[in-house]
Amino acid sequence: MLWQPTRPFEFTSSVIDKLKFKWLAVKPVSTLIFALPKLRKLLTARSINERIVETPFILGRLPPIGAKILDVGACESPVSLMLASLGYAVTAVDLRPYPFSHPNLRVVQGDITHMNLKAEYDAVICLSTLEHIGLPVYGGRKIAGGDRLAIRAMHKLLVPAGKLLLTTPAAPVGQLLPAWRVYSPPALTKLLKLFKSVRINYGIKSESESWTVHSSLPANRYLTSAVPTAVALIEAIK
């Protein structure tokens, strides 16, 4: 695949970070940029994405410090490192190398659908990752039903009464796009049928760029751009 979405590490991102970090300190480019207010505003403008609701949702539903946590798709999120720093025993799984280390962090590079791990985790985190599994992006390969296989694997790795904390794009009508999936509420219910208890809320982006959390998904909430405008925030208990 020639293109894949580049999601920011945190919940805000500069419009053109690569150019900014490379050129802002170089004269005469830096002199020109900072002499023109409109250009300076463009290069330092920031936008808010779905991480603004996803990350606090995850952090607010974790078991007590010291618990064993599996973070699936760890490379696009600071959560593994955050939790290791707080004292959780974290296993970070991704197809790509994880760029950080910590005494409380174990990194496993590979595919969650074909991974030999012990069923010992009090919580599994899957933050904006499920929608890409089984599609040829982020180092992955095309696998039929890859998302279903991943859910089955994550369910298996949880201890009894352990929880899956899952976030993923949502809309009233599901879609399969080149780089990710968008799930409808019925599709999510079906996907999570292995779990004894499932609670789903939705983070929804307004026209003013603000994100708020709701118990249901408005009927008019469709994917209208190349980035999600609604995400499912899911707590599922094994």
Protein backbone atom coordinates (compact mmCIF):
# COMPACT_ATOMS: atom_id res chain seq x y z
CA MET A 1 0.00 0.00 0.00
CA LEU A 2 1.40 3.40 -1.00
CA TRP A 3 -0.36 5.46 1.66
CA GLN A 4 -1.36 5.00 5.25
CA PRO A 5 -2.69 7.45 7.84
CA THR A 6 -0.09 9.02 10.11
CA ARG A 7 -1.68 9.45 13.51
CA PRO A 8 -0.04 11.73 16.07
CA PHE A 9 1.64 10.28 19.13
CA GLU A 10 -0.41 12.51 21.41
CA PHE A 11 -3.82 14.17 21.10
CA THR A 12 -2.55 17.36 19.43
CA SER A 13 -0.31 17.73 16.42
CA SER A 14 1.23 20.48 14.38
CA VAL A 15 -0.03 20.84 10.82
CA ILE A 16 3.40 20.17 9.32
CA ASP A 17 5.64 19.04 12.15
CA LYS A 18 8.36 17.59 9.95
CA LEU A 19 8.92 20.85 8.12
CA LYS A 20 8.67 22.85 11.30
CA PHE A 21 11.27 20.89 13.25
CA LYS A 22 13.62 20.68 10.28
CA TRP A 23 13.51 24.26 9.09
CA LEU A 24 12.38 26.59 11.88
CA ALA A 25 15.86 26.87 13.33
CA VAL A 26 17.61 27.35 9.98
CA LYS A 27 18.39 30.82 8.66
CA PRO A 28 17.23 32.49 6.45
CA VAL A 29 14.11 30.29 6.56
CA SER A 30 13.48 30.94 10.25
CA THR A 31 13.91 34.69 9.76
CA LEU A 32 11.35 34.71 6.97
CA ILE A 33 8.83 32.56 8.83
CA PHE A 34 8.88 34.57 12.02
CA ALA A 35 8.69 37.84 10.10
CA LEU A 36 5.35 36.81 8.54
CA PRO A 37 2.61 36.32 11.17
CA LYS A 38 0.26 34.38 8.87
CA LEU A 39 2.97 31.92 7.85
CA ARG A 40 4.10 31.53 11.45
CA LYS A 41 0.51 30.78 12.51
CA LEU A 42 0.16 28.16 9.77
CA LEU A 43 3.36 26.36 10.76
CA THR A 44 2.55 26.30 14.47
CA ALA A 45 -1.20 25.66 14.24
CA ARG A 46 -2.42 22.65 16.17
CA SER A 47 -5.51 20.48 15.82
CA ILE A 48 -7.25 18.23 18.35
CA ASN A 49 -7.90 14.63 17.42
CA GLU A 50 -9.65 11.65 18.99
CA ARG A 51 -6.80 10.94 21.43
CA ILE A 52 -8.25 13.73 23.60
CA VAL A 53 -11.05 11.34 24.68
CA GLU A 54 -9.42 7.97 24.06
CA THR A 55 -6.43 8.34 26.38
CA PRO A 56 -8.33 9.57 29.48
CA PHE A 57 -10.97 6.91 28.86
CA ILE A 58 -8.27 4.23 29.05
CA LEU A 59 -6.51 5.74 32.05
CA GLY A 60 -9.74 6.11 34.01
CA ARG A 61 -10.68 2.42 33.78
CA LEU A 62 -7.47 0.63 34.62
CA PRO A 63 -7.07 -1.87 37.48
CA PRO A 64 -4.90 -0.85 40.47
CA ILE A 65 -1.23 0.00 39.99
CA GLY A 66 0.89 -3.13 39.79
CA ALA A 67 -1.56 -4.99 37.56
CA LYS A 68 -0.40 -6.70 34.37
CA ILE A 69 -1.35 -4.73 31.26
CA LEU A 70 -1.11 -5.71 27.60
CA ASP A 71 -1.05 -2.78 25.16
CA VAL A 72 -1.80 -3.87 21.58
CA GLY A 73 -0.63 -1.46 18.89
CA ALA A 74 1.63 0.41 21.27
CA CYS A 75 3.79 2.40 18.85
CA GLU A 76 1.21 5.11 18.09
CA SER A 77 0.50 5.89 21.75
CA PRO A 78 2.42 7.00 24.86
CA VAL A 79 0.18 4.85 27.08
CA SER A 80 2.59 1.90 27.52
CA LEU A 81 5.36 4.18 28.73
CA MET A 82 2.96 6.16 30.92
CA LEU A 83 1.70 3.05 32.66
CA ALA A 84 5.16 1.53 33.10
CA SER A 85 6.25 4.80 34.70
CA LEU A 86 3.32 4.61 37.13
CA GLY A 87 4.23 1.08 38.24
CA TYR A 88 2.15 -1.21 36.04
CA ALA A 89 3.74 -4.33 34.56
CA VAL A 90 3.27 -3.55 30.87
CA THR A 91 3.72 -5.69 27.77
CA ALA A 92 3.75 -3.56 24.61
CA VAL A 93 2.89 -5.39 21.39
CA ASP A 94 3.32 -3.97 17.89
CA LEU A 95 4.41 -5.08 14.45
CA ARG A 96 7.02 -2.33 14.52
CA PRO A 97 9.88 -1.77 16.99
CA TYR A 98 8.81 0.17 20.08
CA PRO A 99 11.02 3.26 20.45
CA PHE A 100 11.25 3.43 24.27
CA SER A 101 12.34 1.27 27.19
CA HIS A 102 11.53 1.11 30.90
CA PRO A 103 12.20 -1.38 33.73
CA ASN A 104 8.46 -2.11 33.95
CA LEU A 105 8.01 -2.43 30.19
CA ARG A 106 8.37 -5.60 28.13
CA VAL A 107 8.29 -5.14 24.35
CA VAL A 108 7.11 -7.92 22.04
CA GLN A 109 7.31 -7.29 18.30
CA GLY A 110 4.82 -9.32 16.31
CA ASP A 111 1.23 -9.97 15.26
CA ILE A 112 -1.31 -10.25 18.09
CA THR A 113 -3.28 -12.80 16.06
CA HIS A 114 -0.29 -15.18 16.05
CA MET A 115 1.41 -14.59 19.38
CA ASN A 116 2.35 -17.06 22.11
CA LEU A 117 1.73 -15.14 25.33
CA LYS A 118 0.43 -16.33 28.69
CA ALA A 119 -3.16 -15.64 29.68
CA GLU A 120 -2.08 -13.46 32.60
CA TYR A 121 -3.28 -9.92 31.86
CA ASP A 122 -5.63 -7.98 34.12
CA ALA A 123 -6.38 -5.57 31.28
CA VAL A 124 -5.76 -5.41 27.55
CA ILE A 125 -5.58 -2.00 25.87
CA CYS A 126 -6.30 -1.62 22.17
CA LEU A 127 -6.27 2.10 21.41
CA SER A 128 -7.25 2.94 17.80
CA THR A 129 -5.58 -0.25 16.57
CA LEU A 130 -8.28 -2.85 15.93
CA GLU A 131 -9.52 -1.03 12.83
CA HIS A 132 -6.13 -1.57 11.12
CA ILE A 133 -5.52 -5.23 12.02
CA GLY A 134 -5.67 -7.45 8.97
CA LEU A 135 -5.14 -4.56 6.55
CA PRO A 136 -1.82 -3.81 4.77
CA VAL A 137 -0.84 -0.77 6.85
CA TYR A 138 1.58 -0.09 9.71
CA GLY A 139 3.68 -3.08 8.71
CA GLY A 140 0.72 -5.44 8.62
CA ARG A 141 -0.56 -7.76 5.94
CA LYS A 142 -4.00 -8.49 4.61
CA ILE A 143 -5.75 -11.12 6.75
CA ALA A 144 -9.41 -12.00 6.25
CA GLY A 145 -11.25 -11.29 9.48
CA GLY A 146 -8.12 -9.95 11.13
CA ASP A 147 -10.09 -7.85 13.59
CA ARG A 148 -12.14 -10.86 14.74
CA LEU A 149 -8.97 -12.91 15.19
CA ALA A 150 -7.44 -10.08 17.25
CA ILE A 151 -10.49 -9.83 19.53
CA ARG A 152 -10.38 -13.60 20.08
CA ALA A 153 -6.66 -13.44 20.92
CA MET A 154 -7.08 -10.52 23.34
CA HIS A 155 -10.01 -12.25 25.07
CA LYS A 156 -7.90 -15.39 25.49
CA LEU A 157 -5.00 -13.48 27.08
CA LEU A 158 -7.15 -11.91 29.81
CA VAL A 159 -7.50 -13.45 33.26
CA PRO A 160 -11.07 -14.27 34.37
CA ALA A 161 -12.97 -10.96 34.91
CA GLY A 162 -10.15 -9.11 33.16
CA LYS A 163 -11.11 -6.18 30.96
CA LEU A 164 -10.55 -5.11 27.39
CA LEU A 165 -10.29 -1.33 26.94
CA LEU A 166 -10.88 -0.71 23.26
CA THR A 167 -11.27 2.44 21.17
CA THR A 168 -12.06 2.44 17.46
CA PRO A 169 -13.77 4.64 14.81
CA ALA A 170 -17.56 4.40 14.78
CA ALA A 171 -20.50 5.50 12.62
CA PRO A 172 -24.16 4.47 12.26
CA VAL A 173 -23.20 2.64 9.06
CA GLY A 174 -19.92 0.70 9.02
CA GLN A 175 -17.31 1.15 6.30
CA LEU A 176 -14.21 -0.68 5.09
CA LEU A 177 -11.69 1.90 3.91
CA PRO A 178 -8.25 1.22 2.39
CA ALA A 179 -6.41 1.80 5.67
CA TRP A 180 -8.99 1.21 8.40
CA ARG A 181 -12.48 0.07 9.31
CA VAL A 182 -15.34 2.10 10.74
CA TYR A 183 -17.69 0.07 12.95
CA SER A 184 -21.42 0.41 13.41
CA PRO A 185 -22.88 -0.23 16.90
CA PRO A 186 -24.42 -3.59 15.83
CA ALA A 187 -21.08 -4.66 14.33
CA LEU A 188 -19.30 -3.86 17.60
CA THR A 189 -21.85 -5.85 19.60
CA LYS A 190 -21.34 -8.84 17.34
CA LEU A 191 -17.55 -8.50 17.41
CA LEU A 192 -17.48 -8.50 21.23
CA LYS A 193 -19.91 -11.38 21.81
CA LEU A 194 -17.24 -13.44 23.62
CA PHE A 195 -17.31 -11.04 26.58
CA LYS A 196 -19.72 -11.37 29.50
CA SER A 197 -20.27 -7.63 29.81
CA VAL A 198 -19.78 -4.84 27.26
CA ARG A 199 -20.27 -1.13 27.83
CA ILE A 200 -19.93 1.27 24.92
CA ASN A 201 -19.83 5.06 24.97
CA TYR A 202 -18.92 7.33 22.07
CA GLY A 203 -16.50 10.21 21.76
CA ILE A 204 -17.95 12.66 19.23
CA LYS A 205 -16.27 15.61 17.53
CA SER A 206 -18.29 18.79 17.08
CA GLU A 207 -18.01 21.35 14.30
CA SER A 208 -16.03 23.54 16.71
CA GLU A 209 -13.36 20.79 17.03
CA SER A 210 -14.42 19.91 20.60
CA TRP A 211 -14.79 16.27 21.63
CA THR A 212 -17.47 15.13 24.10
CA VAL A 213 -18.58 11.71 25.35
CA HIS A 214 -22.12 10.36 24.80
CA SER A 215 -23.95 7.13 25.62
CA SER A 216 -25.24 6.71 22.06
CA LEU A 217 -24.19 7.57 18.53
CA PRO A 218 -26.28 10.23 16.72
CA ALA A 219 -27.93 8.93 13.55
CA ASN A 220 -26.33 11.70 11.49
CA ARG A 221 -22.79 10.91 12.59
CA TYR A 222 -21.00 9.70 9.47
CA LEU A 223 -17.37 9.60 8.50
CA THR A 224 -17.10 12.83 6.50
CA SER A 225 -13.34 13.22 6.24
CA ALA A 226 -10.10 11.27 6.23
CA VAL A 227 -10.01 11.27 10.05
CA PRO A 228 -12.56 9.94 12.55
CA THR A 229 -15.27 12.25 13.88
CA ALA A 230 -16.61 9.62 16.28
CA VAL A 231 -14.93 6.83 18.24
CA ALA A 232 -16.36 3.99 20.28
CA LEU A 233 -15.02 3.84 23.85
CA ILE A 234 -15.47 0.25 24.99
CA GLU A 235 -15.03 -1.55 28.31
CA ALA A 236 -15.58 -5.29 27.92
CA ILE A 237 -15.30 -7.75 30.81
CA LYS A 238 -14.28 -11.38 30.28
